Amino acid sequence: MANEIVVQNSPVTTRLMSVDDAIAEGAMALFGEKYGDEVRVVSMGTVVTGDKAGKPYSVELCGGTHVGATGDIGLVRLVSEGAVAAGVRRIEALTGEAARKHLDEQDKRLKAVAAALKISPADVPARVEALLDERKKLEKELTEARKKLALGDRSPAGVPAENETIAGVGFLGKAVAGVAPKDLKPLADAGKKSLGSGVVVFVGAGEDNKASVVVGVTDDLTGRFSAVDLVRVASAALGGQGGGGRPDMAQAGGPDASKAENAIAAVKAALEAA
C-alpha cells in the first residue's frame, strides 16, 4: 500500500491552520501529543478508488521534516511488525537505498539456499515444505522406535521384559534417554496398555542433566494409588518437588537425572507401603 502511494510521486504539501480546522479535514493527531492553537498539516498521496477518490491519502499533524514528493522515498520495505502495548503495534520499514540493499541481501540468501538444495530459487518453498514433512515423518518413526526400546519390546508379542510385581501390583519402571518430556506421557500410556493393570514410571534425562518423570496408573487401580502422589515421590528423589496431573497420569521434574533409578525405587517403596 505504501509503495502504491510512493510511485504516484505526488507532491507533499504542508499548511498551517487551527487544530479544529485540521481535525475537521480528517487530519490524524498521533501518539497523544499536545498541539498549540496553530498546527502544521502535512498531506501526501491521492486516493484513487472508492468514496474518497481524489482526496489526499494521508493527512497528519506533524512537525517533522518530509520529502518534497512521495517518489523521493524510492521504495518501502517492511522488516518487522509487532505489539508494543495494548492496542498499539509498531511497524518498522526500510526506505530508499537501504530497502534496495535489504532486498539484494534477501535475494542472495535465497540463491544460497537454492544452491545448497540444488534447485532453482522458485522451487525453494515447495522443497523446504517437503523436507519439513519428511522430518516430521522421521521424528515420528524415531519416537516410535524409542518407545519400543523403552518398553523393552523385543518379542513378537510385544511383552516388555522389565515387568515386575510390587506388592501384588504390576509395575514397569525405566530410565530412558533421548525421549523428550512431551513424549513421556504417550510412552506411559503404552506401558499401561502393555501391563493391563499396574503402575508405570518413566524417567527421561535431558541434555542439561535435568529429569522429567511421568507416572501412569491404570484405571482399575486409581482408587488405591494416585499418579499425582506417586510422581511427587519420584520428583523428590530427583531433587525436585511438586508435580501434577490426574489420578491416572501425572508428570513432574527434577534437577538431577543421575538419580533416575532412585526415583523408580522411591515409587516402588511407596507401592509397598500403601
Protein backbone atom coordinates (compact mmCIF):
# COMPACT_ATOMS: atom_id res chain seq x y z
CA MET A 1 0.00 0.00 0.00
CA ALA A 2 2.83 2.37 0.85
CA ASN A 3 4.62 1.67 -2.43
CA GLU A 4 1.43 2.36 -4.39
CA ILE A 5 1.48 5.88 -2.97
CA VAL A 6 5.25 6.24 -3.44
CA VAL A 7 5.07 5.57 -7.19
CA GLN A 8 2.42 8.27 -7.59
CA ASN A 9 5.23 10.76 -6.93
CA SER A 10 2.63 13.15 -5.54
CA PRO A 11 3.93 16.40 -4.04
CA VAL A 12 3.97 16.62 -0.26
CA THR A 13 2.12 19.74 0.87
CA THR A 14 2.20 21.48 4.24
CA ARG A 15 -0.27 24.02 5.59
CA LEU A 16 -0.63 25.94 8.85
CA MET A 17 -4.15 26.03 10.31
CA SER A 18 -6.04 25.76 13.56
CA VAL A 19 -6.30 22.43 15.30
CA ASP A 20 -10.09 22.34 14.92
CA ASP A 21 -9.92 23.03 11.17
CA ALA A 22 -7.22 20.36 10.75
CA ILE A 23 -9.24 17.73 12.61
CA ALA A 24 -12.34 18.69 10.62
CA GLU A 25 -10.39 17.96 7.43
CA GLY A 26 -9.56 14.48 8.74
CA ALA A 27 -6.02 15.09 9.94
CA MET A 28 -4.68 12.42 12.32
CA ALA A 29 -3.28 13.55 15.68
CA LEU A 30 -0.96 10.72 16.71
CA PHE A 31 0.51 9.38 19.95
CA GLY A 32 -1.49 11.68 22.24
CA GLU A 33 0.76 14.67 21.50
CA LYS A 34 -0.31 18.12 22.65
CA TYR A 35 -0.65 20.80 19.98
CA GLY A 36 -0.79 24.58 20.03
CA ASP A 37 -3.53 26.76 18.55
CA GLU A 38 -1.88 26.59 15.13
CA VAL A 39 -0.65 23.29 13.69
CA ARG A 40 1.33 22.08 10.70
CA VAL A 41 -0.76 19.81 8.48
CA VAL A 42 1.08 17.51 6.08
CA SER A 43 -0.76 15.90 3.14
CA MET A 44 0.54 13.39 0.63
CA GLY A 45 -0.65 10.87 -1.94
CA THR A 46 -4.01 10.56 -3.65
CA VAL A 47 -6.79 8.05 -3.09
CA VAL A 48 -7.59 6.52 -6.50
CA THR A 49 -10.71 4.44 -5.80
CA GLY A 50 -13.76 4.41 -3.55
CA ASP A 51 -15.73 7.19 -1.90
CA LYS A 52 -12.59 9.16 -1.08
CA ALA A 53 -11.13 9.07 -4.60
CA GLY A 54 -9.21 12.21 -5.40
CA LYS A 55 -8.64 13.14 -1.76
CA PRO A 56 -5.23 13.07 -0.04
CA TYR A 57 -4.23 9.57 1.04
CA SER A 58 -2.57 10.79 4.24
CA VAL A 59 -3.33 13.95 6.23
CA GLU A 60 -1.48 14.29 9.54
CA LEU A 61 -0.50 16.83 12.14
CA CYS A 62 3.28 16.70 12.15
CA GLY A 63 6.18 18.97 12.91
CA GLY A 64 8.86 16.80 11.32
CA THR A 65 10.74 17.15 8.05
CA HIS A 66 9.49 15.48 4.88
CA VAL A 67 10.44 14.68 1.30
CA GLY A 68 9.27 17.01 -1.46
CA ALA A 69 7.29 14.26 -3.19
CA THR A 70 6.37 10.67 -2.33
CA GLY A 71 8.58 9.41 -5.16
CA ASP A 72 11.64 10.68 -3.29
CA ILE A 73 11.15 7.80 -0.85
CA GLY A 74 12.12 5.40 -3.64
CA LEU A 75 10.97 2.14 -2.07
CA VAL A 76 9.37 0.94 1.15
CA ARG A 77 10.18 -2.50 2.56
CA LEU A 78 8.59 -3.68 5.81
CA VAL A 79 11.05 -5.57 8.03
CA SER A 80 9.14 -6.10 11.29
CA GLU A 81 5.76 -5.74 12.94
CA GLY A 82 4.66 -6.46 16.47
CA ALA A 83 2.80 -5.35 19.58
CA VAL A 84 4.33 -2.71 21.86
CA ALA A 85 1.30 -2.08 24.10
CA ALA A 86 -2.39 -2.90 24.36
CA GLY A 87 -3.99 -1.83 21.10
CA VAL A 88 -0.70 -0.45 19.75
CA ARG A 89 1.53 -2.08 17.15
CA ARG A 90 4.87 -0.98 15.76
CA ILE A 91 5.76 -1.36 12.10
CA GLU A 92 9.38 -0.86 11.07
CA ALA A 93 10.47 -0.37 7.47
CA LEU A 94 13.47 0.48 5.33
CA THR A 95 13.28 3.04 2.55
CA GLY A 96 15.27 4.13 -0.45
CA GLU A 97 18.77 2.69 -0.84
CA ALA A 98 18.57 0.80 2.45
CA ALA A 99 15.44 -1.01 1.24
CA ARG A 100 17.14 -1.91 -2.06
CA LYS A 101 20.19 -3.31 -0.27
CA HIS A 102 17.92 -5.30 2.03
CA LEU A 103 16.18 -6.89 -0.95
CA ASP A 104 19.54 -7.67 -2.56
CA GLU A 105 20.67 -9.44 0.62
CA GLN A 106 17.43 -11.40 0.77
CA ASP A 107 17.90 -12.44 -2.84
CA LYS A 108 21.45 -13.63 -2.13
CA ARG A 109 20.24 -15.69 0.84
CA LEU A 110 17.52 -17.29 -1.27
CA LYS A 111 20.02 -18.17 -4.01
CA ALA A 112 22.38 -19.65 -1.41
CA VAL A 113 19.60 -21.86 -0.06
CA ALA A 114 18.63 -22.89 -3.58
CA ALA A 115 22.23 -23.78 -4.38
CA ALA A 116 22.51 -25.88 -1.22
CA LEU A 117 19.34 -27.74 -2.18
CA LYS A 118 20.46 -27.94 -5.83
CA ILE A 119 17.20 -26.46 -7.11
CA SER A 120 16.03 -23.17 -8.58
CA PRO A 121 15.09 -20.30 -6.23
CA ALA A 122 11.46 -20.58 -7.35
CA ASP A 123 11.32 -24.18 -6.07
CA VAL A 124 12.69 -23.42 -2.60
CA PRO A 125 9.33 -23.03 -0.76
CA ALA A 126 7.97 -26.35 -2.03
CA ARG A 127 11.26 -28.16 -1.33
CA VAL A 128 11.50 -26.79 2.21
CA GLU A 129 7.90 -27.84 2.86
CA ALA A 130 8.69 -31.34 1.59
CA LEU A 131 11.79 -31.53 3.80
CA LEU A 132 9.79 -30.45 6.84
CA ASP A 133 7.17 -33.10 6.11
CA GLU A 134 9.91 -35.71 5.78
CA ARG A 135 11.46 -34.57 9.06
CA LYS A 136 8.11 -34.87 10.86
CA LYS A 137 7.73 -38.39 9.48
CA LEU A 138 11.24 -39.36 10.60
CA GLU A 139 10.70 -37.82 14.04
CA LYS A 140 7.51 -39.82 14.41
CA GLU A 141 9.29 -43.02 13.39
CA LEU A 142 12.15 -42.24 15.80
CA THR A 143 9.69 -41.59 18.62
CA GLU A 144 8.01 -44.93 17.96
CA ALA A 145 11.38 -46.70 17.87
CA ARG A 146 12.41 -45.10 21.15
CA LYS A 147 9.06 -46.04 22.65
CA LYS A 148 9.54 -49.69 21.70
CA LEU A 149 13.10 -49.64 23.03
CA ALA A 150 11.99 -48.04 26.28
CA LEU A 151 9.26 -50.63 26.70
CA GLY A 152 11.72 -53.43 26.06
CA ASP A 153 9.60 -54.53 23.09
CA ARG A 154 11.86 -57.21 21.64
CA SER A 155 9.39 -60.05 21.36
CA PRO A 156 6.79 -60.69 18.64
CA ALA A 157 4.07 -60.39 21.25
CA GLY A 158 5.42 -57.03 22.39
CA VAL A 159 5.65 -58.02 26.05
CA PRO A 160 8.08 -55.79 28.00
CA ALA A 161 10.84 -57.80 29.64
CA GLU A 162 11.10 -55.38 32.59
CA ASN A 163 7.61 -56.01 34.05
CA GLU A 164 7.62 -56.66 37.78
CA THR A 165 5.09 -57.23 40.52
CA ILE A 166 5.33 -54.94 43.54
CA ALA A 167 3.06 -55.76 46.49
CA GLY A 168 0.77 -57.64 44.13
CA VAL A 169 0.66 -54.77 41.62
CA GLY A 170 2.07 -54.89 38.11
CA PHE A 171 4.93 -52.48 37.73
CA LEU A 172 7.07 -51.15 34.89
CA GLY A 173 9.77 -48.60 35.66
CA LYS A 174 12.55 -47.43 33.35
CA ALA A 175 15.03 -44.61 32.91
CA VAL A 176 15.07 -43.62 29.25
CA ALA A 177 17.42 -41.48 27.20
CA GLY A 178 16.70 -39.47 24.08
CA VAL A 179 12.98 -39.16 24.82
CA ALA A 180 11.56 -35.64 25.00
CA PRO A 181 9.43 -34.75 28.07
CA LYS A 182 6.38 -34.36 25.84
CA ASP A 183 6.79 -37.96 24.66
CA LEU A 184 6.87 -39.48 28.13
CA LYS A 185 3.09 -39.46 28.57
CA PRO A 186 2.44 -41.40 25.34
CA LEU A 187 5.16 -43.78 26.50
CA ALA A 188 3.39 -44.21 29.84
CA ASP A 189 0.09 -44.81 28.03
CA ALA A 190 1.74 -47.57 26.01
CA GLY A 191 3.24 -49.01 29.19
CA LYS A 192 -0.15 -49.06 30.92
CA LYS A 193 -1.66 -50.81 27.92
CA SER A 194 1.09 -53.42 27.92
CA LEU A 195 0.63 -54.06 31.66
CA GLY A 196 -3.14 -54.24 31.55
CA SER A 197 -3.22 -53.47 35.26
CA GLY A 198 -0.47 -51.74 37.18
CA VAL A 199 1.73 -48.69 37.62
CA VAL A 200 4.33 -47.38 35.16
CA VAL A 201 7.16 -44.94 35.78
CA PHE A 202 9.38 -43.40 33.11
CA VAL A 203 12.21 -41.02 33.88
CA GLY A 204 13.74 -39.12 30.99
CA ALA A 205 17.08 -37.31 31.10
CA GLY A 206 17.65 -34.07 29.25
CA GLU A 207 20.92 -32.77 27.80
CA ASP A 208 21.21 -30.40 30.77
CA ASN A 209 21.06 -33.41 33.15
CA LYS A 210 17.61 -32.35 34.32
CA ALA A 211 14.98 -35.05 34.56
CA SER A 212 11.34 -35.36 33.67
CA VAL A 213 9.28 -38.14 35.24
CA VAL A 214 5.85 -39.50 34.35
CA VAL A 215 3.79 -41.90 36.42
CA GLY A 216 0.79 -43.72 34.99
CA VAL A 217 -1.79 -45.75 36.92
CA THR A 218 -4.28 -48.00 35.15
CA ASP A 219 -7.92 -47.09 35.71
CA ASP A 220 -8.66 -50.14 37.89
CA LEU A 221 -6.06 -49.00 40.43
CA THR A 222 -6.73 -45.25 40.70
CA GLY A 223 -8.84 -45.93 43.78
CA ARG A 224 -5.74 -47.28 45.55
CA PHE A 225 -2.95 -45.20 44.02
CA SER A 226 -2.85 -41.65 42.71
CA ALA A 227 -0.37 -40.91 39.93
CA VAL A 228 -0.05 -37.38 41.36
CA ASP A 229 1.08 -38.66 44.76
CA LEU A 230 3.48 -41.15 43.21
CA VAL A 231 5.03 -38.64 40.79
CA ARG A 232 5.71 -36.28 43.69
CA VAL A 233 7.58 -39.07 45.44
CA ALA A 234 9.63 -39.62 42.28
CA SER A 235 10.28 -35.89 41.88
CA ALA A 236 11.57 -35.63 45.45
CA ALA A 237 14.03 -38.44 44.75
CA LEU A 238 15.27 -36.43 41.76
CA GLY A 239 15.86 -33.38 43.94
CA GLY A 240 12.68 -31.64 42.85
CA GLN A 241 9.30 -31.00 44.35
CA GLY A 242 5.68 -30.89 43.26
CA GLY A 243 4.18 -32.30 40.13
CA GLY A 244 0.65 -32.53 38.89
CA GLY A 245 -1.82 -34.21 36.62
CA ARG A 246 -4.66 -36.69 37.06
CA PRO A 247 -5.04 -39.80 39.24
CA ASP A 248 -4.19 -41.93 36.20
CA MET A 249 -1.37 -39.80 34.74
CA ALA A 250 0.95 -37.19 36.26
CA GLN A 251 4.25 -35.54 35.39
CA ALA A 252 6.97 -33.73 37.31
CA GLY A 253 10.63 -32.83 37.01
CA GLY A 254 13.85 -32.73 38.96
CA PRO A 255 17.31 -31.20 38.68
CA ASP A 256 19.33 -34.42 38.88
CA ALA A 257 18.74 -37.02 36.16
CA SER A 258 21.52 -39.20 37.59
CA LYS A 259 19.06 -40.19 40.33
CA ALA A 260 16.57 -41.73 37.88
CA GLU A 261 16.90 -45.18 39.42
CA ASN A 262 16.37 -43.66 42.87
CA ALA A 263 13.12 -42.15 41.64
CA ILE A 264 11.91 -45.51 40.35
CA ALA A 265 12.90 -47.17 43.63
CA ALA A 266 11.02 -44.47 45.57
CA VAL A 267 7.82 -45.24 43.67
CA LYS A 268 8.29 -48.97 44.34
CA ALA A 269 8.70 -48.22 48.02
CA ALA A 270 5.54 -46.11 48.01
CA LEU A 271 3.61 -49.00 46.45
CA GLU A 272 4.92 -51.42 49.06
CA ALA A 273 3.99 -49.06 51.88
CA ALA A 274 0.46 -48.42 50.61
